[in-house]
Amino acid sequence: MKDQVHIRNAEAAQLARTLARQSGKTISEVVLDALRQYRPRRRAQATQKRIAKWRQLLREDRKRGIMHPETPIEALYDKATGLPV
């Protein structure tokens, strides 16, 4: 019994107990099954796809001549008061 793991999160412990009770397994078996099935999401791949999409959109805008916003941000504020128009 050298390698013990303690669940210190109340919600995780409750979920493990509930699943063990419902499935007729021990908490250790439930946790082991969950760990065997766990696959982390690949965030880097999704981020790279998002970056590529933004670059594509920027290239398309440049081809159409859209380099600057149509309405400058200053036009949205009153020069005298500095408040939005």
PDB file of N, CA and C in Angstrom:
ATOM      1  N   MET A   1       0.831  -1.199   0.000  1.00  0.00           N
ATOM      2  CA  MET A   1       0.000   0.000   0.000  1.00  0.00           C
ATOM      3  C   MET A   1       0.864   1.248   0.000  1.00  0.00           C
ATOM      4  N   LYS A   2       1.951   1.184  -0.695  1.00  0.00           N
ATOM      5  CA  LYS A   2       2.887   2.295  -0.741  1.00  0.00           C
ATOM      6  C   LYS A   2       2.364   3.444  -1.606  1.00  0.00           C
ATOM      7  N   ASP A   3       1.819   3.108  -2.769  1.00  0.00           N
ATOM      8  CA  ASP A   3       1.383   4.124  -3.730  1.00  0.00           C
ATOM      9  C   ASP A   3      -0.092   4.454  -3.557  1.00  0.00           C
ATOM     10  N   GLN A   4      -0.414   5.315  -2.629  1.00  0.00           N
ATOM     11  CA  GLN A   4      -1.794   5.713  -2.412  1.00  0.00           C
ATOM     12  C   GLN A   4      -2.012   7.116  -2.947  1.00  0.00           C
ATOM     13  N   VAL A   5      -3.200   7.345  -3.462  1.00  0.00           N
ATOM     14  CA  VAL A   5      -3.598   8.658  -3.935  1.00  0.00           C
ATOM     15  C   VAL A   5      -4.807   9.080  -3.129  1.00  0.00           C
ATOM     16  N   HIS A   6      -4.778  10.293  -2.644  1.00  0.00           N
ATOM     17  CA  HIS A   6      -5.896  10.816  -1.855  1.00  0.00           C
ATOM     18  C   HIS A   6      -6.611  11.888  -2.667  1.00  0.00           C
ATOM     19  N   ILE A   7      -7.922  11.780  -2.733  1.00  0.00           N
ATOM     20  CA  ILE A   7      -8.718  12.775  -3.444  1.00  0.00           C
ATOM     21  C   ILE A   7      -9.011  13.901  -2.462  1.00  0.00           C
ATOM     22  N   ARG A   8      -8.450  15.065  -2.734  1.00  0.00           N
ATOM     23  CA  ARG A   8      -8.583  16.186  -1.809  1.00  0.00           C
ATOM     24  C   ARG A   8      -9.614  17.224  -2.267  1.00  0.00           C
ATOM     25  N   ASN A   9     -10.243  16.952  -3.385  1.00  0.00           N
ATOM     26  CA  ASN A   9     -11.274  17.838  -3.895  1.00  0.00           C
ATOM     27  C   ASN A   9     -12.629  17.227  -3.555  1.00  0.00           C
ATOM     28  N   ALA A  10     -13.468  17.966  -2.858  1.00  0.00           N
ATOM     29  CA  ALA A  10     -14.746  17.437  -2.383  1.00  0.00           C
ATOM     30  C   ALA A  10     -15.645  16.961  -3.525  1.00  0.00           C
ATOM     31  N   GLU A  11     -15.715  17.743  -4.594  1.00  0.00           N
ATOM     32  CA  GLU A  11     -16.571  17.365  -5.716  1.00  0.00           C
ATOM     33  C   GLU A  11     -16.051  16.095  -6.386  1.00  0.00           C
ATOM     34  N   ALA A  12     -14.738  16.016  -6.598  1.00  0.00           N
ATOM     35  CA  ALA A  12     -14.150  14.831  -7.228  1.00  0.00           C
ATOM     36  C   ALA A  12     -14.379  13.592  -6.365  1.00  0.00           C
ATOM     37  N   ALA A  13     -14.219  13.733  -5.062  1.00  0.00           N
ATOM     38  CA  ALA A  13     -14.420  12.606  -4.149  1.00  0.00           C
ATOM     39  C   ALA A  13     -15.877  12.141  -4.182  1.00  0.00           C
ATOM     40  N   GLN A  14     -16.806  13.095  -4.179  1.00  0.00           N
ATOM     41  CA  GLN A  14     -18.225  12.759  -4.222  1.00  0.00           C
ATOM     42  C   GLN A  14     -18.596  12.059  -5.525  1.00  0.00           C
ATOM     43  N   LEU A  15     -18.069  12.570  -6.640  1.00  0.00           N
ATOM     44  CA  LEU A  15     -18.341  11.944  -7.933  1.00  0.00           C
ATOM     45  C   LEU A  15     -17.777  10.525  -7.974  1.00  0.00           C
ATOM     46  N   ALA A  16     -16.572  10.338  -7.456  1.00  0.00           N
ATOM     47  CA  ALA A  16     -15.961   9.007  -7.448  1.00  0.00           C
ATOM     48  C   ALA A  16     -16.779   8.042  -6.594  1.00  0.00           C
ATOM     49  N   ARG A  17     -17.232   8.504  -5.429  1.00  0.00           N
ATOM     50  CA  ARG A  17     -18.056   7.648  -4.570  1.00  0.00           C
ATOM     51  C   ARG A  17     -19.374   7.291  -5.249  1.00  0.00           C
ATOM     52  N   THR A  18     -20.005   8.277  -5.867  1.00  0.00           N
ATOM     53  CA  THR A  18     -21.286   8.048  -6.542  1.00  0.00           C
ATOM     54  C   THR A  18     -21.126   7.060  -7.692  1.00  0.00           C
ATOM     55  N   LEU A  19     -20.095   7.268  -8.516  1.00  0.00           N
ATOM     56  CA  LEU A  19     -19.875   6.350  -9.641  1.00  0.00           C
ATOM     57  C   LEU A  19     -19.544   4.947  -9.155  1.00  0.00           C
ATOM     58  N   ALA A  20     -18.780   4.854  -8.085  1.00  0.00           N
ATOM     59  CA  ALA A  20     -18.445   3.535  -7.538  1.00  0.00           C
ATOM     60  C   ALA A  20     -19.707   2.828  -7.048  1.00  0.00           C
ATOM     61  N   ARG A  21     -20.558   3.571  -6.353  1.00  0.00           N
ATOM     62  CA  ARG A  21     -21.802   2.998  -5.831  1.00  0.00           C
ATOM     63  C   ARG A  21     -22.710   2.558  -6.975  1.00  0.00           C
ATOM     64  N   GLN A  22     -22.839   3.394  -8.000  1.00  0.00           N
ATOM     65  CA  GLN A  22     -23.725   3.096  -9.129  1.00  0.00           C
ATOM     66  C   GLN A  22     -23.224   1.930  -9.973  1.00  0.00           C
ATOM     67  N   SER A  23     -21.912   1.816 -10.099  1.00  0.00           N
ATOM     68  CA  SER A  23     -21.354   0.782 -10.972  1.00  0.00           C
ATOM     69  C   SER A  23     -20.996  -0.506 -10.235  1.00  0.00           C
ATOM     70  N   GLY A  24     -21.004  -0.465  -8.892  1.00  0.00           N
ATOM     71  CA  GLY A  24     -20.623  -1.643  -8.121  1.00  0.00           C
ATOM     72  C   GLY A  24     -19.123  -1.875  -8.101  1.00  0.00           C
ATOM     73  N   LYS A  25     -18.368  -0.849  -8.466  1.00  0.00           N
ATOM     74  CA  LYS A  25     -16.909  -0.943  -8.460  1.00  0.00           C
ATOM     75  C   LYS A  25     -16.363  -0.228  -7.236  1.00  0.00           C
ATOM     76  N   THR A  26     -15.074  -0.390  -7.001  1.00  0.00           N
ATOM     77  CA  THR A  26     -14.431   0.363  -5.928  1.00  0.00           C
ATOM     78  C   THR A  26     -14.073   1.749  -6.460  1.00  0.00           C
ATOM     79  N   ILE A  27     -13.799   2.665  -5.562  1.00  0.00           N
ATOM     80  CA  ILE A  27     -13.384   4.007  -5.972  1.00  0.00           C
ATOM     81  C   ILE A  27     -12.104   3.916  -6.789  1.00  0.00           C
ATOM     82  N   SER A  28     -11.193   3.059  -6.381  1.00  0.00           N
ATOM     83  CA  SER A  28      -9.930   2.888  -7.124  1.00  0.00           C
ATOM     84  C   SER A  28     -10.198   2.438  -8.554  1.00  0.00           C
ATOM     85  N   GLU A  29     -11.128   1.520  -8.741  1.00  0.00           N
ATOM     86  CA  GLU A  29     -11.446   1.043 -10.089  1.00  0.00           C
ATOM     87  C   GLU A  29     -12.070   2.146 -10.937  1.00  0.00           C
ATOM     88  N   VAL A  30     -12.935   2.937 -10.315  1.00  0.00           N
ATOM     89  CA  VAL A  30     -13.577   4.046 -11.034  1.00  0.00           C
ATOM     90  C   VAL A  30     -12.527   5.062 -11.474  1.00  0.00           C
ATOM     91  N   VAL A  31     -11.639   5.417 -10.566  1.00  0.00           N
ATOM     92  CA  VAL A  31     -10.596   6.390 -10.891  1.00  0.00           C
ATOM     93  C   VAL A  31      -9.670   5.833 -11.960  1.00  0.00           C
ATOM     94  N   LEU A  32      -9.284   4.572 -11.843  1.00  0.00           N
ATOM     95  CA  LEU A  32      -8.403   3.946 -12.825  1.00  0.00           C
ATOM     96  C   LEU A  32      -9.058   3.912 -14.204  1.00  0.00           C
ATOM     97  N   ASP A  33     -10.344   3.559 -14.277  1.00  0.00           N
ATOM     98  CA  ASP A  33     -11.064   3.575 -15.558  1.00  0.00           C
ATOM     99  C   ASP A  33     -11.069   4.974 -16.163  1.00  0.00           C
ATOM    100  N   ALA A  34     -11.339   5.963 -15.326  1.00  0.00           N
ATOM    101  CA  ALA A  34     -11.387   7.350 -15.816  1.00  0.00           C
ATOM    102  C   ALA A  34     -10.022   7.787 -16.337  1.00  0.00           C
ATOM    103  N   LEU A  35      -8.969   7.442 -15.631  1.00  0.00           N
ATOM    104  CA  LEU A  35      -7.627   7.819 -16.069  1.00  0.00           C
ATOM    105  C   LEU A  35      -7.233   7.108 -17.354  1.00  0.00           C
ATOM    106  N   ARG A  36      -7.642   5.880 -17.514  1.00  0.00           N
ATOM    107  CA  ARG A  36      -7.334   5.148 -18.741  1.00  0.00           C
ATOM    108  C   ARG A  36      -8.055   5.746 -19.949  1.00  0.00           C
ATOM    109  N   GLN A  37      -9.242   6.297 -19.736  1.00  0.00           N
ATOM    110  CA  GLN A  37     -10.027   6.858 -20.836  1.00  0.00           C
ATOM    111  C   GLN A  37      -9.689   8.313 -21.121  1.00  0.00           C
ATOM    112  N   TYR A  38      -9.028   8.973 -20.208  1.00  0.00           N
ATOM    113  CA  TYR A  38      -8.761  10.406 -20.343  1.00  0.00           C
ATOM    114  C   TYR A  38      -7.788  10.690 -21.478  1.00  0.00           C
ATOM    115  N   ARG A  39      -8.146  11.632 -22.313  1.00  0.00           N
ATOM    116  CA  ARG A  39      -7.264  12.117 -23.369  1.00  0.00           C
ATOM    117  C   ARG A  39      -7.314  13.639 -23.344  1.00  0.00           C
ATOM    118  N   PRO A  40      -6.185  14.286 -23.075  1.00  0.00           N
ATOM    119  CA  PRO A  40      -6.205  15.746 -23.020  1.00  0.00           C
ATOM    120  C   PRO A  40      -6.506  16.346 -24.389  1.00  0.00           C
ATOM    121  N   ARG A  41      -7.157  17.496 -24.356  1.00  0.00           N
ATOM    122  CA  ARG A  41      -7.459  18.199 -25.598  1.00  0.00           C
ATOM    123  C   ARG A  41      -6.185  18.803 -26.156  1.00  0.00           C
ATOM    124  N   ARG A  42      -6.133  18.890 -27.450  1.00  0.00           N
ATOM    125  CA  ARG A  42      -4.967  19.497 -28.087  1.00  0.00           C
ATOM    126  C   ARG A  42      -5.253  20.969 -28.341  1.00  0.00           C
ATOM    127  N   ARG A  43      -4.841  21.791 -27.424  1.00  0.00           N
ATOM    128  CA  ARG A  43      -5.089  23.227 -27.553  1.00  0.00           C
ATOM    129  C   ARG A  43      -4.188  23.870 -28.592  1.00  0.00           C
ATOM    130  N   ALA A  44      -2.960  23.415 -28.694  1.00  0.00           N
ATOM    131  CA  ALA A  44      -2.019  24.024 -29.630  1.00  0.00           C
ATOM    132  C   ALA A  44      -2.522  23.916 -31.058  1.00  0.00           C
ATOM    133  N   GLN A  45      -3.098  22.776 -31.423  1.00  0.00           N
ATOM    134  CA  GLN A  45      -3.591  22.576 -32.773  1.00  0.00           C
ATOM    135  C   GLN A  45      -4.753  23.525 -33.060  1.00  0.00           C
ATOM    136  N   ALA A  46      -5.665  23.647 -32.111  1.00  0.00           N
ATOM    137  CA  ALA A  46      -6.803  24.545 -32.308  1.00  0.00           C
ATOM    138  C   ALA A  46      -6.320  25.990 -32.412  1.00  0.00           C
ATOM    139  N   THR A  47      -5.332  26.349 -31.606  1.00  0.00           N
ATOM    140  CA  THR A  47      -4.798  27.708 -31.640  1.00  0.00           C
ATOM    141  C   THR A  47      -4.146  27.985 -32.989  1.00  0.00           C
ATOM    142  N   GLN A  48      -3.382  27.040 -33.500  1.00  0.00           N
ATOM    143  CA  GLN A  48      -2.732  27.215 -34.800  1.00  0.00           C
ATOM    144  C   GLN A  48      -3.758  27.373 -35.913  1.00  0.00           C
ATOM    145  N   LYS A  49      -4.849  26.610 -35.830  1.00  0.00           N
ATOM    146  CA  LYS A  49      -5.903  26.739 -36.843  1.00  0.00           C
ATOM    147  C   LYS A  49      -6.543  28.125 -36.775  1.00  0.00           C
ATOM    148  N   ARG A  50      -6.756  28.607 -35.561  1.00  0.00           N
ATOM    149  CA  ARG A  50      -7.369  29.923 -35.377  1.00  0.00           C
ATOM    150  C   ARG A  50      -6.446  31.021 -35.923  1.00  0.00           C
ATOM    151  N   ILE A  51      -5.151  30.906 -35.663  1.00  0.00           N
ATOM    152  CA  ILE A  51      -4.185  31.883 -36.161  1.00  0.00           C
ATOM    153  C   ILE A  51      -4.163  31.871 -37.680  1.00  0.00           C
ATOM    154  N   ALA A  52      -4.169  30.678 -38.264  1.00  0.00           N
ATOM    155  CA  ALA A  52      -4.165  30.562 -39.721  1.00  0.00           C
ATOM    156  C   ALA A  52      -5.415  31.200 -40.320  1.00  0.00           C
ATOM    157  N   LYS A  53      -6.564  31.020 -39.674  1.00  0.00           N
ATOM    158  CA  LYS A  53      -7.812  31.608 -40.170  1.00  0.00           C
ATOM    159  C   LYS A  53      -7.756  33.131 -40.122  1.00  0.00           C
ATOM    160  N   TRP A  54      -7.249  33.692 -39.009  1.00  0.00           N
ATOM    161  CA  TRP A  54      -7.127  35.149 -38.892  1.00  0.00           C
ATOM    162  C   TRP A  54      -6.185  35.701 -39.952  1.00  0.00           C
ATOM    163  N   ARG A  55      -5.086  35.011 -40.191  1.00  0.00           N
ATOM    164  CA  ARG A  55      -4.145  35.470 -41.218  1.00  0.00           C
ATOM    165  C   ARG A  55      -4.795  35.445 -42.595  1.00  0.00           C
ATOM    166  N   GLN A  56      -5.570  34.406 -42.861  1.00  0.00           N
ATOM    167  CA  GLN A  56      -6.277  34.319 -44.133  1.00  0.00           C
ATOM    168  C   GLN A  56      -7.248  35.490 -44.284  1.00  0.00           C
ATOM    169  N   LEU A  57      -7.990  35.796 -43.235  1.00  0.00           N
ATOM    170  CA  LEU A  57      -8.938  36.915 -43.286  1.00  0.00           C
ATOM    171  C   LEU A  57      -8.221  38.243 -43.504  1.00  0.00           C
ATOM    172  N   LEU A  58      -7.081  38.424 -42.848  1.00  0.00           N
ATOM    173  CA  LEU A  58      -6.316  39.654 -43.035  1.00  0.00           C
ATOM    174  C   LEU A  58      -5.798  39.776 -44.468  1.00  0.00           C
ATOM    175  N   ARG A  59      -5.318  38.668 -45.038  1.00  0.00           N
ATOM    176  CA  ARG A  59      -4.855  38.685 -46.431  1.00  0.00           C
ATOM    177  C   ARG A  59      -5.996  39.070 -47.379  1.00  0.00           C
ATOM    178  N   GLU A  60      -7.179  38.521 -47.131  1.00  0.00           N
ATOM    179  CA  GLU A  60      -8.336  38.842 -47.970  1.00  0.00           C
ATOM    180  C   GLU A  60      -8.699  40.320 -47.857  1.00  0.00           C
ATOM    181  N   ASP A  61      -8.636  40.854 -46.649  1.00  0.00           N
ATOM    182  CA  ASP A  61      -8.923  42.278 -46.462  1.00  0.00           C
ATOM    183  C   ASP A  61      -7.913  43.145 -47.212  1.00  0.00           C
ATOM    184  N   ARG A  62      -6.651  42.762 -47.146  1.00  0.00           N
ATOM    185  CA  ARG A  62      -5.615  43.540 -47.852  1.00  0.00           C
ATOM    186  C   ARG A  62      -5.845  43.512 -49.357  1.00  0.00           C
ATOM    187  N   LYS A  63      -6.241  42.359 -49.887  1.00  0.00           N
ATOM    188  CA  LYS A  63      -6.508  42.244 -51.326  1.00  0.00           C
ATOM    189  C   LYS A  63      -7.651  43.155 -51.748  1.00  0.00           C
ATOM    190  N   ARG A  64      -8.639  43.314 -50.861  1.00  0.00           N
ATOM    191  CA  ARG A  64      -9.782  44.178 -51.168  1.00  0.00           C
ATOM    192  C   ARG A  64      -9.502  45.635 -50.851  1.00  0.00           C
ATOM    193  N   GLY A  65      -8.327  45.921 -50.321  1.00  0.00           N
ATOM    194  CA  GLY A  65      -7.964  47.300 -50.025  1.00  0.00           C
ATOM    195  C   GLY A  65      -8.439  47.779 -48.667  1.00  0.00           C
ATOM    196  N   ILE A  66      -8.842  46.878 -47.812  1.00  0.00           N
ATOM    197  CA  ILE A  66      -9.295  47.260 -46.473  1.00  0.00           C
ATOM    198  C   ILE A  66      -8.099  47.185 -45.537  1.00  0.00           C
ATOM    199  N   MET A  67      -7.384  48.286 -45.435  1.00  0.00           N
ATOM    200  CA  MET A  67      -6.195  48.311 -44.582  1.00  0.00           C
ATOM    201  C   MET A  67      -6.483  49.017 -43.255  1.00  0.00           C
ATOM    202  N   HIS A  68      -7.416  49.939 -43.276  1.00  0.00           N
ATOM    203  CA  HIS A  68      -7.716  50.733 -42.091  1.00  0.00           C
ATOM    204  C   HIS A  68      -9.211  50.637 -41.793  1.00  0.00           C
ATOM    205  N   PRO A  69      -9.590  50.818 -40.536  1.00  0.00           N
ATOM    206  CA  PRO A  69     -11.030  50.812 -40.242  1.00  0.00           C
ATOM    207  C   PRO A  69     -11.740  51.912 -41.021  1.00  0.00           C
ATOM    208  N   GLU A  70     -12.960  51.647 -41.386  1.00  0.00           N
ATOM    209  CA  GLU A  70     -13.715  52.629 -42.157  1.00  0.00           C
ATOM    210  C   GLU A  70     -14.020  53.879 -41.345  1.00  0.00           C
ATOM    211  N   THR A  71     -14.266  53.723 -40.050  1.00  0.00           N
ATOM    212  CA  THR A  71     -14.551  54.847 -39.185  1.00  0.00           C
ATOM    213  C   THR A  71     -13.475  54.911 -38.104  1.00  0.00           C
ATOM    214  N   PRO A  72     -12.697  55.989 -38.065  1.00  0.00           N
ATOM    215  CA  PRO A  72     -11.683  56.081 -37.024  1.00  0.00           C
ATOM    216  C   PRO A  72     -12.334  56.164 -35.641  1.00  0.00           C
ATOM    217  N   ILE A  73     -11.691  55.613 -34.659  1.00  0.00           N
ATOM    218  CA  ILE A  73     -12.232  55.569 -33.296  1.00  0.00           C
ATOM    219  C   ILE A  73     -12.503  56.975 -32.753  1.00  0.00           C
ATOM    220  N   GLU A  74     -11.698  57.928 -33.168  1.00  0.00           N
ATOM    221  CA  GLU A  74     -11.877  59.314 -32.694  1.00  0.00           C
ATOM    222  C   GLU A  74     -13.229  59.887 -33.110  1.00  0.00           C
ATOM    223  N   ALA A  75     -13.765  59.406 -34.231  1.00  0.00           N
ATOM    224  CA  ALA A  75     -15.044  59.916 -34.728  1.00  0.00           C
ATOM    225  C   ALA A  75     -16.203  59.501 -33.833  1.00  0.00           C
ATOM    226  N   LEU A  76     -16.002  58.551 -32.963  1.00  0.00           N
ATOM    227  CA  LEU A  76     -17.071  58.087 -32.084  1.00  0.00           C
ATOM    228  C   LEU A  76     -17.185  58.897 -30.803  1.00  0.00           C
ATOM    229  N   TYR A  77     -16.265  59.851 -30.600  1.00  0.00           N
ATOM    230  CA  TYR A  77     -16.247  60.651 -29.372  1.00  0.00           C
ATOM    231  C   TYR A  77     -16.338  62.129 -29.691  1.00  0.00           C
ATOM    232  N   ASP A  78     -17.013  62.869 -28.832  1.00  0.00           N
ATOM    233  CA  ASP A  78     -17.111  64.311 -28.948  1.00  0.00           C
ATOM    234  C   ASP A  78     -15.772  64.924 -28.551  1.00  0.00           C
ATOM    235  N   LYS A  79     -15.223  65.794 -29.403  1.00  0.00           N
ATOM    236  CA  LYS A  79     -13.912  66.382 -29.126  1.00  0.00           C
ATOM    237  C   LYS A  79     -13.936  67.283 -27.903  1.00  0.00           C
ATOM    238  N   ALA A  80     -15.026  67.966 -27.679  1.00  0.00           N
ATOM    239  CA  ALA A  80     -15.097  68.922 -26.563  1.00  0.00           C
ATOM    240  C   ALA A  80     -15.235  68.207 -25.214  1.00  0.00           C
ATOM    241  N   THR A  81     -16.049  67.165 -25.150  1.00  0.00           N
ATOM    242  CA  THR A  81     -16.315  66.525 -23.869  1.00  0.00           C
ATOM    243  C   THR A  81     -15.561  65.218 -23.684  1.00  0.00           C
ATOM    244  N   GLY A  82     -15.158  64.585 -24.780  1.00  0.00           N
ATOM    245  CA  GLY A  82     -14.498  63.291 -24.696  1.00  0.00           C
ATOM    246  C   GLY A  82     -15.458  62.145 -24.470  1.00  0.00           C
ATOM    247  N   LEU A  83     -16.752  62.448 -24.487  1.00  0.00           N
ATOM    248  CA  LEU A  83     -17.778  61.416 -24.289  1.00  0.00           C
ATOM    249  C   LEU A  83     -18.220  60.842 -25.621  1.00  0.00           C
ATOM    250  N   PRO A  84     -18.761  59.637 -25.594  1.00  0.00           N
ATOM    251  CA  PRO A  84     -19.263  59.054 -26.851  1.00  0.00           C
ATOM    252  C   PRO A  84     -20.356  59.905 -27.445  1.00  0.00           C
ATOM    253  N   VAL A  85     -20.383  59.941 -28.773  1.00  0.00           N
ATOM    254  CA  VAL A  85     -21.363  60.749 -29.497  1.00  0.00           C
ATOM    255  C   VAL A  85     -22.689  60.034 -29.536  1.00  0.00           C
TER     256      VAL A  85
END
